């Protein structure tokens, strides 16, 4: 339980970082 929780929280954190980066790229493209 604890291990899977750590893995899912780490995966969620990575997904959020990727989402923020992708959003930043879109903002950069449309902000020109």
N, C-alpha and C. Protein backbone atom coordinates (compact mmCIF):
# COMPACT_ATOMS: atom_id res chain seq x y z
N UNK A 1 0.84 -1.20 0.00
CA UNK A 1 0.00 0.00 0.00
C UNK A 1 0.88 1.25 0.00
N UNK A 2 1.83 1.30 0.93
CA UNK A 2 2.69 2.48 1.01
C UNK A 2 3.52 2.65 -0.26
N UNK A 3 4.08 1.54 -0.75
CA UNK A 3 4.92 1.61 -1.95
C UNK A 3 4.10 2.09 -3.14
N UNK A 4 2.93 1.50 -3.35
CA UNK A 4 2.10 1.90 -4.49
C UNK A 4 1.66 3.36 -4.33
N UNK A 5 1.45 3.79 -3.09
CA UNK A 5 1.08 5.18 -2.84
C UNK A 5 2.21 6.11 -3.22
N UNK A 6 3.45 5.74 -2.87
CA UNK A 6 4.60 6.55 -3.23
C UNK A 6 4.76 6.62 -4.74
N UNK A 7 4.58 5.48 -5.39
CA UNK A 7 4.73 5.43 -6.85
C UNK A 7 3.66 6.29 -7.52
N UNK A 8 2.42 6.18 -7.08
CA UNK A 8 1.35 6.94 -7.72
C UNK A 8 1.51 8.44 -7.46
N UNK A 9 1.96 8.81 -6.26
CA UNK A 9 2.16 10.23 -5.97
C UNK A 9 3.31 10.78 -6.80
N UNK A 10 4.36 9.97 -7.00
CA UNK A 10 5.49 10.40 -7.83
C UNK A 10 5.04 10.52 -9.29
N UNK A 11 4.24 9.57 -9.75
CA UNK A 11 3.74 9.60 -11.12
C UNK A 11 2.84 10.82 -11.31
N UNK A 12 2.01 11.11 -10.31
CA UNK A 12 1.13 12.27 -10.39
C UNK A 12 1.95 13.55 -10.44
N UNK A 13 3.00 13.61 -9.63
CA UNK A 13 3.87 14.79 -9.61
C UNK A 13 4.52 14.99 -10.98
N UNK A 14 5.01 13.89 -11.57
CA UNK A 14 5.63 13.96 -12.90
C UNK A 14 4.61 14.39 -13.94
N UNK A 15 3.40 13.87 -13.85
CA UNK A 15 2.34 14.22 -14.80
C UNK A 15 2.00 15.71 -14.69
N UNK A 16 1.93 16.21 -13.45
CA UNK A 16 1.65 17.63 -13.25
C UNK A 16 2.75 18.50 -13.83
N UNK A 17 4.01 18.10 -13.60
CA UNK A 17 5.14 18.85 -14.16
C UNK A 17 5.07 18.87 -15.68
N UNK A 18 4.77 17.71 -16.28
CA UNK A 18 4.65 17.61 -17.73
C UNK A 18 3.51 18.48 -18.25
N UNK A 19 2.39 18.50 -17.50
CA UNK A 19 1.23 19.30 -17.89
C UNK A 19 1.58 20.78 -17.85
N UNK A 20 2.28 21.20 -16.79
CA UNK A 20 2.68 22.60 -16.64
C UNK A 20 3.63 22.99 -17.77
N UNK A 21 4.58 22.10 -18.11
CA UNK A 21 5.52 22.39 -19.19
C UNK A 21 4.77 22.51 -20.52
N UNK A 22 3.85 21.58 -20.79
CA UNK A 22 3.08 21.62 -22.03
C UNK A 22 2.24 22.89 -22.09
N UNK A 23 1.64 23.26 -20.97
CA UNK A 23 0.82 24.48 -20.92
C UNK A 23 1.70 25.70 -21.17
N UNK A 24 2.90 25.69 -20.61
CA UNK A 24 3.83 26.79 -20.82
C UNK A 24 4.21 26.93 -22.29
N UNK A 25 4.39 25.80 -22.96
CA UNK A 25 4.72 25.83 -24.39
C UNK A 25 3.56 26.41 -25.19
N UNK A 26 2.33 26.01 -24.87
CA UNK A 26 1.16 26.54 -25.57
C UNK A 26 1.03 28.04 -25.34
N UNK A 27 1.22 28.48 -24.10
CA UNK A 27 1.16 29.91 -23.78
C UNK A 27 2.24 30.65 -24.55
N UNK A 28 3.43 30.06 -24.63
CA UNK A 28 4.53 30.68 -25.36
C UNK A 28 4.21 30.81 -26.84
N UNK A 29 3.59 29.77 -27.40
CA UNK A 29 3.25 29.79 -28.83
C UNK A 29 2.19 30.86 -29.12
N UNK A 30 1.13 30.87 -28.31
CA UNK A 30 0.03 31.80 -28.58
C UNK A 30 0.31 33.20 -28.05
N UNK A 31 1.34 33.32 -27.20
CA UNK A 31 1.66 34.62 -26.63
C UNK A 31 2.54 35.48 -27.53
N UNK A 32 3.03 34.91 -28.64
CA UNK A 32 3.93 35.66 -29.52
C UNK A 32 3.20 36.78 -30.25
